[in-house]
């Protein structure tokens, strides 16, 4: 991903943080999707909304419980090579997902 940026606004600190965040996201040749609180769009609890996911999709079981307790859900889904195979990470915060990616890569 090309991260060269020439900022004409007085926001270089914010732009630098955004570029660093974008560089943390996994490589993907197809789509990458970030969803926040999709369960609220369909009037479901985090627990009900995430029944279709496996425990391995959560960055940890502690994060799963935290998401349920706090009613906050973040989902990162990306297609690294083709539109067929994808990866999912679930957590109670976007920061937790980013930290997981920094520690574990993808």
N, C-alpha and C. Protein backbone atom coordinates (compact mmCIF):
# COMPACT_ATOMS: atom_id res chain seq x y z
N UNK A 1 0.84 -1.16 0.00
CA UNK A 1 0.00 0.00 0.00
C UNK A 1 0.89 1.23 0.00
N UNK A 2 0.61 2.17 -0.85
CA UNK A 2 1.38 3.39 -0.93
C UNK A 2 0.96 4.34 0.19
N UNK A 3 1.89 4.71 1.06
CA UNK A 3 1.55 5.56 2.18
C UNK A 3 2.17 6.95 2.06
N UNK A 4 2.73 7.28 0.91
CA UNK A 4 3.29 8.62 0.75
C UNK A 4 2.15 9.62 0.73
N UNK A 5 2.32 10.66 1.51
CA UNK A 5 1.24 11.62 1.69
C UNK A 5 1.83 13.01 1.77
N UNK A 6 1.31 13.90 0.96
CA UNK A 6 1.71 15.29 1.02
C UNK A 6 0.51 16.06 1.54
N UNK A 7 0.61 16.48 2.77
CA UNK A 7 -0.51 17.15 3.43
C UNK A 7 -0.44 18.65 3.18
N UNK A 8 -1.54 19.21 2.70
CA UNK A 8 -1.62 20.65 2.49
C UNK A 8 -2.41 21.31 3.61
N UNK A 9 -2.88 20.53 4.55
CA UNK A 9 -3.62 21.06 5.68
C UNK A 9 -2.76 20.97 6.93
N UNK A 10 -3.16 21.62 7.97
CA UNK A 10 -2.42 21.56 9.23
C UNK A 10 -2.91 20.38 10.05
N UNK A 11 -2.74 19.20 9.51
CA UNK A 11 -3.24 18.01 10.20
C UNK A 11 -2.25 16.86 10.12
N UNK A 12 -1.00 17.16 9.88
CA UNK A 12 -0.02 16.10 9.63
C UNK A 12 0.06 15.09 10.77
N UNK A 13 -0.12 15.52 12.00
CA UNK A 13 -0.09 14.58 13.11
C UNK A 13 -1.23 13.58 12.98
N UNK A 14 -2.42 14.06 12.69
CA UNK A 14 -3.57 13.17 12.50
C UNK A 14 -3.39 12.31 11.27
N UNK A 15 -2.87 12.89 10.19
CA UNK A 15 -2.65 12.11 8.97
C UNK A 15 -1.62 11.01 9.22
N UNK A 16 -0.58 11.33 9.96
CA UNK A 16 0.43 10.33 10.27
C UNK A 16 -0.15 9.18 11.07
N UNK A 17 -1.02 9.49 12.02
CA UNK A 17 -1.66 8.44 12.81
C UNK A 17 -2.57 7.59 11.94
N UNK A 18 -3.27 8.23 11.02
CA UNK A 18 -4.16 7.48 10.12
C UNK A 18 -3.37 6.57 9.19
N UNK A 19 -2.29 7.07 8.64
CA UNK A 19 -1.44 6.25 7.76
C UNK A 19 -0.88 5.07 8.54
N UNK A 20 -0.45 5.29 9.78
CA UNK A 20 0.08 4.20 10.61
C UNK A 20 -1.01 3.16 10.86
N UNK A 21 -2.23 3.62 11.13
CA UNK A 21 -3.35 2.72 11.35
C UNK A 21 -3.66 1.91 10.09
N UNK A 22 -3.70 2.57 8.95
CA UNK A 22 -3.98 1.88 7.69
C UNK A 22 -2.91 0.84 7.39
N UNK A 23 -1.66 1.16 7.69
CA UNK A 23 -0.57 0.20 7.45
C UNK A 23 -0.65 -1.01 8.36
N UNK A 24 -1.39 -0.91 9.45
CA UNK A 24 -1.57 -2.04 10.36
C UNK A 24 -2.59 -3.04 9.82
N UNK A 25 -3.50 -2.58 8.98
CA UNK A 25 -4.53 -3.46 8.43
C UNK A 25 -3.90 -4.54 7.57
N UNK A 26 -4.51 -5.71 7.54
CA UNK A 26 -3.94 -6.83 6.77
C UNK A 26 -3.90 -6.55 5.27
N UNK A 27 -2.91 -7.13 4.60
CA UNK A 27 -2.86 -7.06 3.14
C UNK A 27 -4.08 -7.76 2.58
N UNK A 28 -4.64 -7.19 1.53
CA UNK A 28 -5.84 -7.79 0.93
C UNK A 28 -5.89 -7.41 -0.54
N UNK A 29 -6.08 -8.43 -1.38
CA UNK A 29 -6.20 -8.22 -2.83
C UNK A 29 -7.64 -7.96 -3.22
N UNK A 30 -8.55 -8.29 -2.31
CA UNK A 30 -9.98 -8.03 -2.53
C UNK A 30 -10.45 -7.15 -1.38
N UNK A 31 -11.68 -7.28 -0.96
CA UNK A 31 -12.28 -6.37 0.00
C UNK A 31 -11.76 -6.46 1.41
N UNK A 32 -11.91 -5.35 2.14
CA UNK A 32 -11.68 -5.27 3.57
C UNK A 32 -12.83 -4.47 4.15
N UNK A 33 -13.46 -5.01 5.20
CA UNK A 33 -14.65 -4.38 5.77
C UNK A 33 -14.47 -4.20 7.27
N UNK A 34 -14.85 -3.03 7.77
CA UNK A 34 -14.85 -2.75 9.19
C UNK A 34 -16.29 -2.44 9.58
N UNK A 35 -16.79 -3.17 10.58
CA UNK A 35 -18.17 -2.96 11.02
C UNK A 35 -18.16 -2.67 12.52
N UNK A 36 -18.95 -1.69 12.92
CA UNK A 36 -19.11 -1.37 14.34
C UNK A 36 -20.57 -1.47 14.71
N UNK A 37 -20.86 -2.31 15.69
CA UNK A 37 -22.19 -2.48 16.26
C UNK A 37 -23.27 -2.84 15.25
N UNK A 38 -22.96 -3.75 14.35
CA UNK A 38 -23.95 -4.23 13.38
C UNK A 38 -25.14 -4.89 14.05
N UNK A 39 -24.92 -5.42 15.25
CA UNK A 39 -26.02 -6.07 15.98
C UNK A 39 -27.13 -5.10 16.33
N UNK A 40 -26.79 -3.84 16.50
CA UNK A 40 -27.79 -2.84 16.86
C UNK A 40 -28.69 -2.49 15.68
N UNK A 41 -28.21 -2.71 14.46
CA UNK A 41 -29.03 -2.45 13.27
C UNK A 41 -30.20 -3.41 13.15
N UNK A 42 -30.07 -4.57 13.78
CA UNK A 42 -31.11 -5.60 13.67
C UNK A 42 -31.71 -5.94 15.04
N UNK A 43 -31.51 -5.04 16.01
CA UNK A 43 -32.10 -5.18 17.35
C UNK A 43 -31.76 -6.52 18.01
N UNK A 44 -30.49 -6.91 17.90
CA UNK A 44 -30.04 -8.14 18.54
C UNK A 44 -28.95 -7.82 19.56
N UNK A 45 -28.75 -8.73 20.49
CA UNK A 45 -27.62 -8.60 21.41
C UNK A 45 -26.35 -9.03 20.68
N UNK A 46 -25.21 -8.67 21.24
CA UNK A 46 -23.93 -9.12 20.68
C UNK A 46 -23.91 -10.65 20.65
N UNK A 47 -24.38 -11.26 21.71
CA UNK A 47 -24.37 -12.72 21.80
C UNK A 47 -25.21 -13.36 20.69
N UNK A 48 -26.40 -12.84 20.45
CA UNK A 48 -27.25 -13.40 19.38
C UNK A 48 -26.64 -13.15 18.00
N UNK A 49 -26.16 -11.94 17.78
CA UNK A 49 -25.64 -11.54 16.48
C UNK A 49 -24.41 -12.34 16.08
N UNK A 50 -23.63 -12.76 17.08
CA UNK A 50 -22.36 -13.45 16.79
C UNK A 50 -22.45 -14.96 16.91
N UNK A 51 -23.64 -15.51 17.04
CA UNK A 51 -23.79 -16.96 17.13
C UNK A 51 -23.23 -17.69 15.91
N UNK A 52 -23.21 -17.03 14.76
CA UNK A 52 -22.72 -17.67 13.53
C UNK A 52 -21.20 -17.77 13.49
N UNK A 53 -20.50 -17.05 14.38
CA UNK A 53 -19.05 -17.06 14.38
C UNK A 53 -18.51 -18.12 15.33
N UNK A 54 -17.28 -18.54 15.07
CA UNK A 54 -16.59 -19.49 15.92
C UNK A 54 -15.81 -18.73 17.00
N UNK A 55 -15.52 -19.40 18.09
CA UNK A 55 -14.71 -18.78 19.14
C UNK A 55 -13.37 -18.31 18.59
N UNK A 56 -12.84 -19.02 17.59
CA UNK A 56 -11.54 -18.65 17.00
C UNK A 56 -11.60 -17.33 16.24
N UNK A 57 -12.80 -16.86 15.90
CA UNK A 57 -12.94 -15.58 15.19
C UNK A 57 -12.73 -14.40 16.14
N UNK A 58 -12.89 -14.62 17.42
CA UNK A 58 -12.66 -13.58 18.43
C UNK A 58 -11.17 -13.49 18.71
N UNK A 59 -10.69 -12.29 18.99
CA UNK A 59 -9.26 -12.18 19.29
C UNK A 59 -8.92 -12.89 20.60
N UNK A 60 -9.92 -13.05 21.48
CA UNK A 60 -9.78 -13.85 22.69
C UNK A 60 -11.18 -14.08 23.27
N UNK A 61 -11.30 -15.08 24.10
CA UNK A 61 -12.60 -15.33 24.75
C UNK A 61 -12.91 -14.22 25.76
N UNK A 62 -11.87 -13.60 26.31
CA UNK A 62 -12.09 -12.46 27.20
C UNK A 62 -12.69 -11.29 26.44
N UNK A 63 -12.22 -11.07 25.21
CA UNK A 63 -12.79 -10.00 24.38
C UNK A 63 -14.23 -10.31 24.01
N UNK A 64 -14.53 -11.56 23.77
CA UNK A 64 -15.91 -11.95 23.47
C UNK A 64 -16.81 -11.59 24.64
N UNK A 65 -16.40 -11.95 25.84
CA UNK A 65 -17.23 -11.65 27.02
C UNK A 65 -17.33 -10.15 27.24
N UNK A 66 -16.26 -9.43 27.02
CA UNK A 66 -16.27 -7.97 27.16
C UNK A 66 -17.23 -7.34 26.17
N UNK A 67 -17.23 -7.82 24.94
CA UNK A 67 -18.15 -7.31 23.92
C UNK A 67 -19.60 -7.54 24.34
N UNK A 68 -19.88 -8.71 24.87
CA UNK A 68 -21.24 -9.03 25.34
C UNK A 68 -21.61 -8.13 26.51
N UNK A 69 -20.71 -8.01 27.49
CA UNK A 69 -20.98 -7.21 28.68
C UNK A 69 -21.16 -5.73 28.37
N UNK A 70 -20.35 -5.20 27.44
CA UNK A 70 -20.39 -3.77 27.13
C UNK A 70 -21.30 -3.43 25.96
N UNK A 71 -21.86 -4.46 25.30
CA UNK A 71 -22.73 -4.26 24.14
C UNK A 71 -22.03 -3.46 23.05
N UNK A 72 -20.76 -3.78 22.84
CA UNK A 72 -19.93 -3.14 21.82
C UNK A 72 -19.27 -4.23 20.98
N UNK A 73 -19.39 -4.12 19.66
CA UNK A 73 -18.85 -5.14 18.76
C UNK A 73 -18.17 -4.50 17.56
N UNK A 74 -16.94 -4.91 17.32
CA UNK A 74 -16.20 -4.52 16.13
C UNK A 74 -15.86 -5.78 15.36
N UNK A 75 -16.00 -5.69 14.03
CA UNK A 75 -15.68 -6.82 13.15
C UNK A 75 -14.81 -6.33 12.01
N UNK A 76 -13.69 -7.01 11.82
CA UNK A 76 -12.81 -6.76 10.68
C UNK A 76 -12.83 -8.01 9.82
N UNK A 77 -13.18 -7.85 8.56
CA UNK A 77 -13.21 -8.99 7.63
C UNK A 77 -12.45 -8.59 6.38
N UNK A 78 -11.56 -9.50 5.92
CA UNK A 78 -10.79 -9.20 4.72
C UNK A 78 -10.56 -10.45 3.90
N UNK A 79 -10.36 -10.21 2.62
CA UNK A 79 -10.14 -11.27 1.62
C UNK A 79 -8.71 -11.13 1.11
N UNK A 80 -7.78 -11.92 1.65
CA UNK A 80 -6.36 -11.72 1.34
C UNK A 80 -5.97 -11.99 -0.11
N UNK A 81 -6.59 -12.97 -0.75
CA UNK A 81 -6.14 -13.35 -2.09
C UNK A 81 -7.25 -13.34 -3.14
N UNK A 82 -8.40 -13.87 -2.80
CA UNK A 82 -9.50 -13.98 -3.76
C UNK A 82 -10.80 -13.61 -3.07
N UNK A 83 -11.88 -13.42 -3.82
CA UNK A 83 -13.17 -13.11 -3.19
C UNK A 83 -13.81 -14.33 -2.51
N UNK A 84 -13.12 -15.45 -2.49
CA UNK A 84 -13.70 -16.66 -1.91
C UNK A 84 -13.24 -16.85 -0.46
N UNK A 85 -11.96 -16.82 -0.19
CA UNK A 85 -11.45 -17.06 1.16
C UNK A 85 -11.29 -15.77 1.93
N UNK A 86 -11.75 -15.75 3.18
CA UNK A 86 -11.64 -14.53 3.98
C UNK A 86 -11.28 -14.86 5.42
N UNK A 87 -10.87 -13.82 6.15
CA UNK A 87 -10.56 -13.91 7.57
C UNK A 87 -11.46 -12.92 8.31
N UNK A 88 -11.77 -13.24 9.57
CA UNK A 88 -12.58 -12.37 10.41
C UNK A 88 -11.91 -12.24 11.76
N UNK A 89 -11.92 -11.03 12.31
CA UNK A 89 -11.54 -10.80 13.70
C UNK A 89 -12.66 -10.04 14.37
N UNK A 90 -13.03 -10.49 15.57
CA UNK A 90 -14.08 -9.85 16.36
C UNK A 90 -13.50 -9.40 17.69
N UNK A 91 -13.98 -8.26 18.19
CA UNK A 91 -13.52 -7.75 19.49
C UNK A 91 -14.50 -6.71 20.00
N UNK A 92 -14.26 -6.27 21.23
CA UNK A 92 -15.11 -5.25 21.84
C UNK A 92 -14.70 -3.84 21.42
N UNK A 93 -13.50 -3.70 20.86
CA UNK A 93 -13.04 -2.37 20.42
C UNK A 93 -12.16 -2.52 19.18
N UNK A 94 -12.11 -1.46 18.39
CA UNK A 94 -11.25 -1.46 17.22
C UNK A 94 -9.79 -1.44 17.65
N UNK A 95 -9.51 -0.76 18.76
CA UNK A 95 -8.15 -0.72 19.27
C UNK A 95 -7.65 -2.13 19.60
N UNK A 96 -8.52 -2.96 20.15
CA UNK A 96 -8.13 -4.34 20.48
C UNK A 96 -7.79 -5.12 19.22
N UNK A 97 -8.55 -4.91 18.15
CA UNK A 97 -8.25 -5.58 16.88
C UNK A 97 -6.90 -5.11 16.33
N UNK A 98 -6.66 -3.82 16.35
CA UNK A 98 -5.40 -3.27 15.84
C UNK A 98 -4.22 -3.80 16.66
N UNK A 99 -4.36 -3.83 17.97
CA UNK A 99 -3.29 -4.36 18.82
C UNK A 99 -3.03 -5.83 18.51
N UNK A 100 -4.10 -6.59 18.30
CA UNK A 100 -3.96 -8.01 17.94
C UNK A 100 -3.20 -8.16 16.62
N UNK A 101 -3.54 -7.33 15.64
CA UNK A 101 -2.84 -7.38 14.35
C UNK A 101 -1.36 -7.02 14.51
N UNK A 102 -1.08 -6.02 15.33
CA UNK A 102 0.32 -5.62 15.54
C UNK A 102 1.13 -6.74 16.18
N UNK A 103 0.52 -7.45 17.11
CA UNK A 103 1.23 -8.52 17.82
C UNK A 103 1.34 -9.79 17.00
N UNK A 104 0.28 -10.11 16.24
CA UNK A 104 0.20 -11.40 15.57
C UNK A 104 0.35 -11.33 14.05
N UNK A 105 0.24 -10.15 13.48
CA UNK A 105 0.31 -10.02 12.03
C UNK A 105 -0.84 -10.74 11.34
N UNK A 106 -0.92 -10.58 10.05
CA UNK A 106 -1.90 -11.30 9.22
C UNK A 106 -1.59 -11.03 7.78
